[in-house]
Amino acid sequence: MTRRPTRLSDADRQLWAKVTESIAPLEEKKANLGDLMRSAAPAPQEAAPARLAGQTPPLPADFRLGSRASSGPAARHDPAPSIGDYLARQPVRIDAKTMGKLRRGKHKPEARIDLHGMTLAQAHPALNRFISDSYLRQRRLVLVITGKGKDRDDEGSIMPVPRGVLRHQVPHWLQIPPLGPLVLQILPAHLRHGGDGAYYVYLKRQR
């Protein structure tokens, strides 16, 4: 049995027209939904500038080569003491009378060696021989002349050498083997015997 098509009344046609006005194609709905989501999303932050491969990130604006981030007493360093200050802090192992004569330049050295102009490689064995020989000869006071130094004492070195390297190195050599056990006291020489460019070396007695 064939069903006859239902005829719409004028009121039904007006209602259907209102319904179709609110209908949009499926693709258009998707596009509108995307627009709605993009408008609701927070605005992205400005993108960082592109960096070339292997490029180092820029340093902070307050960074300076050789500077320290911290400040105050903990970040400051006291300068290293001078050789004279260092020797003055060493324990006194000779009697007060002898010490007084040395400081006034009244005690004449029994022998001397002049290392001035030598490289470190030349000066070290020369100092070892001189101090060992003086000890065997039972000398008590000898003078070691280093000079006050120049910009480069060790011309053969490939590394930067500080000014007055011999003046700084000799006291160290005199306190370590093989010379340390032979030496009783080291003092900067009086001006009449070379001042800052020389040292009094007071040796122990032979046993």
C-alpha atoms as a PDB file:
ATOM      1  CA  MET A   1       0.000   0.000   0.000  1.00  0.00           C
ATOM      2  CA  THR A   2       1.528   3.299  -1.154  1.00  0.00           C
ATOM      3  CA  ARG A   3       1.713   6.066   1.420  1.00  0.00           C
ATOM      4  CA  ARG A   4       0.540   9.388   0.184  1.00  0.00           C
ATOM      5  CA  PRO A   5       2.850  12.363   0.834  1.00  0.00           C
ATOM      6  CA  THR A   6       1.728  14.592   3.628  1.00  0.00           C
ATOM      7  CA  ARG A   7       0.983  18.115   2.583  1.00  0.00           C
ATOM      8  CA  LEU A   8       2.320  20.873   4.853  1.00  0.00           C
ATOM      9  CA  SER A   9       0.162  23.635   5.950  1.00  0.00           C
ATOM     10  CA  ASP A  10       1.219  27.258   5.718  1.00  0.00           C
ATOM     11  CA  ALA A  11       2.004  27.277   9.442  1.00  0.00           C
ATOM     12  CA  ASP A  12       4.277  24.210   9.083  1.00  0.00           C
ATOM     13  CA  ARG A  13       6.166  25.830   6.211  1.00  0.00           C
ATOM     14  CA  GLN A  14       6.847  28.982   8.243  1.00  0.00           C
ATOM     15  CA  LEU A  15       8.121  26.876  11.204  1.00  0.00           C
ATOM     16  CA  TRP A  16      10.445  24.837   8.975  1.00  0.00           C
ATOM     17  CA  ALA A  17      11.847  27.993   7.393  1.00  0.00           C
ATOM     18  CA  LYS A  18      12.826  29.283  10.839  1.00  0.00           C
ATOM     19  CA  VAL A  19      14.547  25.975  11.646  1.00  0.00           C
ATOM     20  CA  THR A  20      16.585  25.918   8.424  1.00  0.00           C
ATOM     21  CA  GLU A  21      17.818  29.464   9.024  1.00  0.00           C
ATOM     22  CA  SER A  22      19.723  28.267  12.101  1.00  0.00           C
ATOM     23  CA  ILE A  23      21.379  25.360  10.262  1.00  0.00           C
ATOM     24  CA  ALA A  24      24.909  25.739   8.795  1.00  0.00           C
ATOM     25  CA  PRO A  25      27.006  23.229   6.787  1.00  0.00           C
ATOM     26  CA  LEU A  26      29.283  20.904   8.804  1.00  0.00           C
ATOM     27  CA  GLU A  27      32.604  22.375   7.458  1.00  0.00           C
ATOM     28  CA  GLU A  28      31.491  25.873   8.317  1.00  0.00           C
ATOM     29  CA  LYS A  29      30.684  24.742  11.863  1.00  0.00           C
ATOM     30  CA  LYS A  30      34.188  23.310  12.234  1.00  0.00           C
ATOM     31  CA  ALA A  31      35.719  26.545  11.062  1.00  0.00           C
ATOM     32  CA  ASN A  32      33.611  28.565  13.467  1.00  0.00           C
ATOM     33  CA  LEU A  33      34.580  26.230  16.325  1.00  0.00           C
ATOM     34  CA  GLY A  34      38.267  26.713  15.536  1.00  0.00           C
ATOM     35  CA  ASP A  35      37.882  30.477  15.526  1.00  0.00           C
ATOM     36  CA  LEU A  36      36.102  30.273  18.838  1.00  0.00           C
ATOM     37  CA  MET A  37      38.903  28.198  20.439  1.00  0.00           C
ATOM     38  CA  ARG A  38      41.642  30.497  19.111  1.00  0.00           C
ATOM     39  CA  SER A  39      39.882  33.546  20.421  1.00  0.00           C
ATOM     40  CA  ALA A  40      39.477  31.951  23.864  1.00  0.00           C
ATOM     41  CA  ALA A  41      43.125  30.777  24.133  1.00  0.00           C
ATOM     42  CA  PRO A  42      45.604  33.117  25.915  1.00  0.00           C
ATOM     43  CA  ALA A  43      47.877  35.118  23.666  1.00  0.00           C
ATOM     44  CA  PRO A  44      51.272  33.387  23.237  1.00  0.00           C
ATOM     45  CA  GLN A  45      54.380  35.131  24.559  1.00  0.00           C
ATOM     46  CA  GLU A  46      56.697  36.741  22.075  1.00  0.00           C
ATOM     47  CA  ALA A  47      58.970  34.067  20.631  1.00  0.00           C
ATOM     48  CA  ALA A  48      62.651  34.231  21.484  1.00  0.00           C
ATOM     49  CA  PRO A  49      64.892  35.302  18.588  1.00  0.00           C
ATOM     50  CA  ALA A  50      66.238  32.440  16.547  1.00  0.00           C
ATOM     51  CA  ARG A  51      69.780  31.333  17.524  1.00  0.00           C
ATOM     52  CA  LEU A  52      72.289  30.001  15.083  1.00  0.00           C
ATOM     53  CA  ALA A  53      73.533  26.480  15.616  1.00  0.00           C
ATOM     54  CA  GLY A  54      76.443  26.474  18.090  1.00  0.00           C
ATOM     55  CA  GLN A  55      75.957  30.125  19.048  1.00  0.00           C
ATOM     56  CA  THR A  56      76.609  30.888  22.739  1.00  0.00           C
ATOM     57  CA  PRO A  57      73.672  32.462  24.599  1.00  0.00           C
ATOM     58  CA  PRO A  58      74.276  36.140  25.425  1.00  0.00           C
ATOM     59  CA  LEU A  59      75.718  36.860  28.880  1.00  0.00           C
ATOM     60  CA  PRO A  60      73.689  38.796  31.440  1.00  0.00           C
ATOM     61  CA  ALA A  61      73.981  42.546  31.106  1.00  0.00           C
ATOM     62  CA  ASP A  62      75.694  42.919  34.497  1.00  0.00           C
ATOM     63  CA  PHE A  63      78.396  40.318  33.723  1.00  0.00           C
ATOM     64  CA  ARG A  64      81.940  41.594  33.301  1.00  0.00           C
ATOM     65  CA  LEU A  65      85.006  39.519  32.518  1.00  0.00           C
ATOM     66  CA  GLY A  66      86.944  38.837  35.715  1.00  0.00           C
ATOM     67  CA  SER A  67      84.221  40.164  37.992  1.00  0.00           C
ATOM     68  CA  ARG A  68      82.529  38.289  40.819  1.00  0.00           C
ATOM     69  CA  ALA A  69      78.808  37.992  41.310  1.00  0.00           C
ATOM     70  CA  SER A  70      79.044  38.474  45.049  1.00  0.00           C
ATOM     71  CA  SER A  71      80.301  41.490  46.903  1.00  0.00           C
ATOM     72  CA  GLY A  72      81.192  42.388  50.415  1.00  0.00           C
ATOM     73  CA  PRO A  73      83.944  41.145  52.743  1.00  0.00           C
ATOM     74  CA  ALA A  74      83.602  37.506  51.698  1.00  0.00           C
ATOM     75  CA  ALA A  75      84.268  38.382  48.043  1.00  0.00           C
ATOM     76  CA  ARG A  76      87.408  40.446  48.701  1.00  0.00           C
ATOM     77  CA  HIS A  77      90.845  38.889  49.048  1.00  0.00           C
ATOM     78  CA  ASP A  78      93.794  40.320  50.908  1.00  0.00           C
ATOM     79  CA  PRO A  79      96.928  40.723  48.783  1.00  0.00           C
ATOM     80  CA  ALA A  80      99.704  38.185  49.283  1.00  0.00           C
ATOM     81  CA  PRO A  81     102.286  39.276  51.872  1.00  0.00           C
ATOM     82  CA  SER A  82     105.672  40.482  50.668  1.00  0.00           C
ATOM     83  CA  ILE A  83     108.730  38.268  51.041  1.00  0.00           C
ATOM     84  CA  GLY A  84     109.950  40.474  53.890  1.00  0.00           C
ATOM     85  CA  ASP A  85     106.641  40.119  55.728  1.00  0.00           C
ATOM     86  CA  TYR A  86     106.666  36.365  55.180  1.00  0.00           C
ATOM     87  CA  LEU A  87     110.168  35.962  56.605  1.00  0.00           C
ATOM     88  CA  ALA A  88     109.358  38.276  59.515  1.00  0.00           C
ATOM     89  CA  ARG A  89     106.566  35.894  60.533  1.00  0.00           C
ATOM     90  CA  GLN A  90     108.887  32.901  60.718  1.00  0.00           C
ATOM     91  CA  PRO A  91     109.908  31.681  64.205  1.00  0.00           C
ATOM     92  CA  VAL A  92     113.116  33.274  65.531  1.00  0.00           C
ATOM     93  CA  ARG A  93     115.678  30.493  66.052  1.00  0.00           C
ATOM     94  CA  ILE A  94     118.764  32.588  66.780  1.00  0.00           C
ATOM     95  CA  ASP A  95     119.602  34.593  69.898  1.00  0.00           C
ATOM     96  CA  ALA A  96     118.437  38.176  70.265  1.00  0.00           C
ATOM     97  CA  LYS A  97     121.973  39.616  70.142  1.00  0.00           C
ATOM     98  CA  THR A  98     122.780  37.982  66.814  1.00  0.00           C
ATOM     99  CA  MET A  99     119.388  38.979  65.434  1.00  0.00           C
ATOM    100  CA  GLY A 100     119.968  42.606  66.426  1.00  0.00           C
ATOM    101  CA  LYS A 101     123.362  42.683  64.730  1.00  0.00           C
ATOM    102  CA  LEU A 102     121.924  41.191  61.547  1.00  0.00           C
ATOM    103  CA  ARG A 103     119.104  43.731  61.379  1.00  0.00           C
ATOM    104  CA  ARG A 104     121.562  46.584  61.821  1.00  0.00           C
ATOM    105  CA  GLY A 105     123.938  45.181  59.219  1.00  0.00           C
ATOM    106  CA  LYS A 106     126.673  44.741  61.845  1.00  0.00           C
ATOM    107  CA  HIS A 107     127.253  41.042  61.213  1.00  0.00           C
ATOM    108  CA  LYS A 108     129.603  40.487  58.278  1.00  0.00           C
ATOM    109  CA  PRO A 109     128.802  37.448  56.077  1.00  0.00           C
ATOM    110  CA  GLU A 110     131.591  34.844  55.849  1.00  0.00           C
ATOM    111  CA  ALA A 111     130.851  34.053  52.176  1.00  0.00           C
ATOM    112  CA  ARG A 112     128.484  35.117  49.438  1.00  0.00           C
ATOM    113  CA  ILE A 113     126.992  33.904  46.182  1.00  0.00           C
ATOM    114  CA  ASP A 114     125.576  36.110  43.456  1.00  0.00           C
ATOM    115  CA  LEU A 115     122.664  34.492  41.588  1.00  0.00           C
ATOM    116  CA  HIS A 116     121.717  37.712  39.871  1.00  0.00           C
ATOM    117  CA  GLY A 117     121.204  37.170  36.146  1.00  0.00           C
ATOM    118  CA  MET A 118     120.885  33.373  36.402  1.00  0.00           C
ATOM    119  CA  THR A 119     117.833  31.413  35.268  1.00  0.00           C
ATOM    120  CA  LEU A 120     115.978  29.210  37.729  1.00  0.00           C
ATOM    121  CA  ALA A 121     117.600  26.115  36.222  1.00  0.00           C
ATOM    122  CA  GLN A 122     121.054  27.615  36.779  1.00  0.00           C
ATOM    123  CA  ALA A 123     120.426  29.180  40.174  1.00  0.00           C
ATOM    124  CA  HIS A 124     118.975  26.191  42.011  1.00  0.00           C
ATOM    125  CA  PRO A 125     121.977  23.808  41.706  1.00  0.00           C
ATOM    126  CA  ALA A 126     124.385  26.699  42.282  1.00  0.00           C
ATOM    127  CA  LEU A 127     122.599  27.576  45.532  1.00  0.00           C
ATOM    128  CA  ASN A 128     122.595  23.922  46.629  1.00  0.00           C
ATOM    129  CA  ARG A 129     126.350  23.634  46.116  1.00  0.00           C
ATOM    130  CA  PHE A 130     127.107  26.922  47.861  1.00  0.00           C
ATOM    131  CA  ILE A 131     124.997  26.246  50.983  1.00  0.00           C
ATOM    132  CA  SER A 132     126.199  22.629  51.292  1.00  0.00           C
ATOM    133  CA  ASP A 133     129.842  23.683  50.944  1.00  0.00           C
ATOM    134  CA  SER A 134     129.391  26.509  53.470  1.00  0.00           C
ATOM    135  CA  TYR A 135     127.853  24.093  55.964  1.00  0.00           C
ATOM    136  CA  LEU A 136     130.735  21.634  55.551  1.00  0.00           C
ATOM    137  CA  ARG A 137     133.178  24.519  56.089  1.00  0.00           C
ATOM    138  CA  GLN A 138     131.317  25.375  59.333  1.00  0.00           C
ATOM    139  CA  ARG A 139     130.343  28.847  58.194  1.00  0.00           C
ATOM    140  CA  ARG A 140     127.440  30.360  60.135  1.00  0.00           C
ATOM    141  CA  LEU A 141     126.419  33.449  58.153  1.00  0.00           C
ATOM    142  CA  VAL A 142     126.397  33.614  54.350  1.00  0.00           C
ATOM    143  CA  LEU A 143     124.866  36.061  51.899  1.00  0.00           C
ATOM    144  CA  VAL A 144     122.746  35.033  48.909  1.00  0.00           C
ATOM    145  CA  ILE A 145     122.315  37.790  46.326  1.00  0.00           C
ATOM    146  CA  THR A 146     119.287  37.445  44.046  1.00  0.00           C
ATOM    147  CA  GLY A 147     118.833  40.962  42.736  1.00  0.00           C
ATOM    148  CA  LYS A 148     115.512  42.755  42.951  1.00  0.00           C
ATOM    149  CA  GLY A 149     114.399  41.171  39.715  1.00  0.00           C
ATOM    150  CA  LYS A 150     113.359  42.334  36.285  1.00  0.00           C
ATOM    151  CA  ASP A 151     110.315  41.721  34.151  1.00  0.00           C
ATOM    152  CA  ARG A 152     111.611  38.287  33.101  1.00  0.00           C
ATOM    153  CA  ASP A 153     114.366  36.543  35.062  1.00  0.00           C
ATOM    154  CA  ASP A 154     113.988  33.170  33.360  1.00  0.00           C
ATOM    155  CA  GLU A 155     114.449  33.945  29.668  1.00  0.00           C
ATOM    156  CA  GLY A 156     114.213  30.273  28.679  1.00  0.00           C
ATOM    157  CA  SER A 157     110.727  29.764  30.127  1.00  0.00           C
ATOM    158  CA  ILE A 158     107.710  29.567  27.825  1.00  0.00           C
ATOM    159  CA  MET A 159     105.394  30.579  30.667  1.00  0.00           C
ATOM    160  CA  PRO A 160     105.073  34.122  32.037  1.00  0.00           C
ATOM    161  CA  VAL A 161     107.558  34.626  34.867  1.00  0.00           C
ATOM    162  CA  PRO A 162     106.751  37.131  37.618  1.00  0.00           C
ATOM    163  CA  ARG A 163     109.073  40.010  38.390  1.00  0.00           C
ATOM    164  CA  GLY A 164     111.840  39.052  40.833  1.00  0.00           C
ATOM    165  CA  VAL A 165     111.289  35.310  40.483  1.00  0.00           C
ATOM    166  CA  LEU A 166     114.657  34.446  42.071  1.00  0.00           C
ATOM    167  CA  ARG A 167     113.983  36.754  44.995  1.00  0.00           C
ATOM    168  CA  HIS A 168     110.736  34.862  45.606  1.00  0.00           C
ATOM    169  CA  GLN A 169     112.063  31.373  44.922  1.00  0.00           C
ATOM    170  CA  VAL A 170     115.289  31.360  46.954  1.00  0.00           C
ATOM    171  CA  PRO A 171     113.591  31.422  50.410  1.00  0.00           C
ATOM    172  CA  HIS A 172     111.498  28.445  49.308  1.00  0.00           C
ATOM    173  CA  TRP A 173     114.569  26.481  48.197  1.00  0.00           C
ATOM    174  CA  LEU A 174     116.265  27.266  51.498  1.00  0.00           C
ATOM    175  CA  GLN A 175     113.413  25.717  53.491  1.00  0.00           C
ATOM    176  CA  ILE A 176     113.023  22.422  51.644  1.00  0.00           C
ATOM    177  CA  PRO A 177     115.443  19.464  51.270  1.00  0.00           C
ATOM    178  CA  PRO A 178     118.303  19.246  50.737  1.00  0.00           C
ATOM    179  CA  LEU A 179     118.992  22.738  52.167  1.00  0.00           C
ATOM    180  CA  GLY A 180     116.205  23.021  54.755  1.00  0.00           C
ATOM    181  CA  PRO A 181     117.919  20.793  57.374  1.00  0.00           C
ATOM    182  CA  LEU A 182     121.075  22.969  57.140  1.00  0.00           C
ATOM    183  CA  VAL A 183     119.435  26.396  57.532  1.00  0.00           C
ATOM    184  CA  LEU A 184     118.570  27.963  60.881  1.00  0.00           C
ATOM    185  CA  GLN A 185     117.275  31.416  59.841  1.00  0.00           C
ATOM    186  CA  ILE A 186     116.630  33.463  56.702  1.00  0.00           C
ATOM    187  CA  LEU A 187     116.457  37.252  56.819  1.00  0.00           C
ATOM    188  CA  PRO A 188     116.333  40.058  54.244  1.00  0.00           C
ATOM    189  CA  ALA A 189     119.795  41.596  54.056  1.00  0.00           C
ATOM    190  CA  HIS A 190     120.615  45.031  55.420  1.00  0.00           C
ATOM    191  CA  LEU A 191     120.892  47.814  52.845  1.00  0.00           C
ATOM    192  CA  ARG A 192     124.699  47.746  53.036  1.00  0.00           C
ATOM    193  CA  HIS A 193     124.634  44.079  51.956  1.00  0.00           C
ATOM    194  CA  GLY A 194     122.070  44.352  49.182  1.00  0.00           C
ATOM    195  CA  GLY A 195     118.789  45.188  50.922  1.00  0.00           C
ATOM    196  CA  ASP A 196     115.752  43.697  49.188  1.00  0.00           C
ATOM    197  CA  GLY A 197     117.961  42.040  46.587  1.00  0.00           C
ATOM    198  CA  ALA A 198     119.794  39.718  49.010  1.00  0.00           C
ATOM    199  CA  TYR A 199     119.278  37.393  51.989  1.00  0.00           C
ATOM    200  CA  TYR A 200     121.218  36.545  55.107  1.00  0.00           C
ATOM    201  CA  VAL A 201     121.271  32.781  55.591  1.00  0.00           C
ATOM    202  CA  TYR A 202     122.267  31.681  59.088  1.00  0.00           C
ATOM    203  CA  LEU A 203     123.369  28.044  59.063  1.00  0.00           C
ATOM    204  CA  LYS A 204     123.165  25.406  61.767  1.00  0.00           C
ATOM    205  CA  ARG A 205     126.247  24.070  63.496  1.00  0.00           C
ATOM    206  CA  GLN A 206     127.589  20.733  62.376  1.00  0.00           C
ATOM    207  CA  ARG A 207     126.888  17.848  64.696  1.00  0.00           C
END
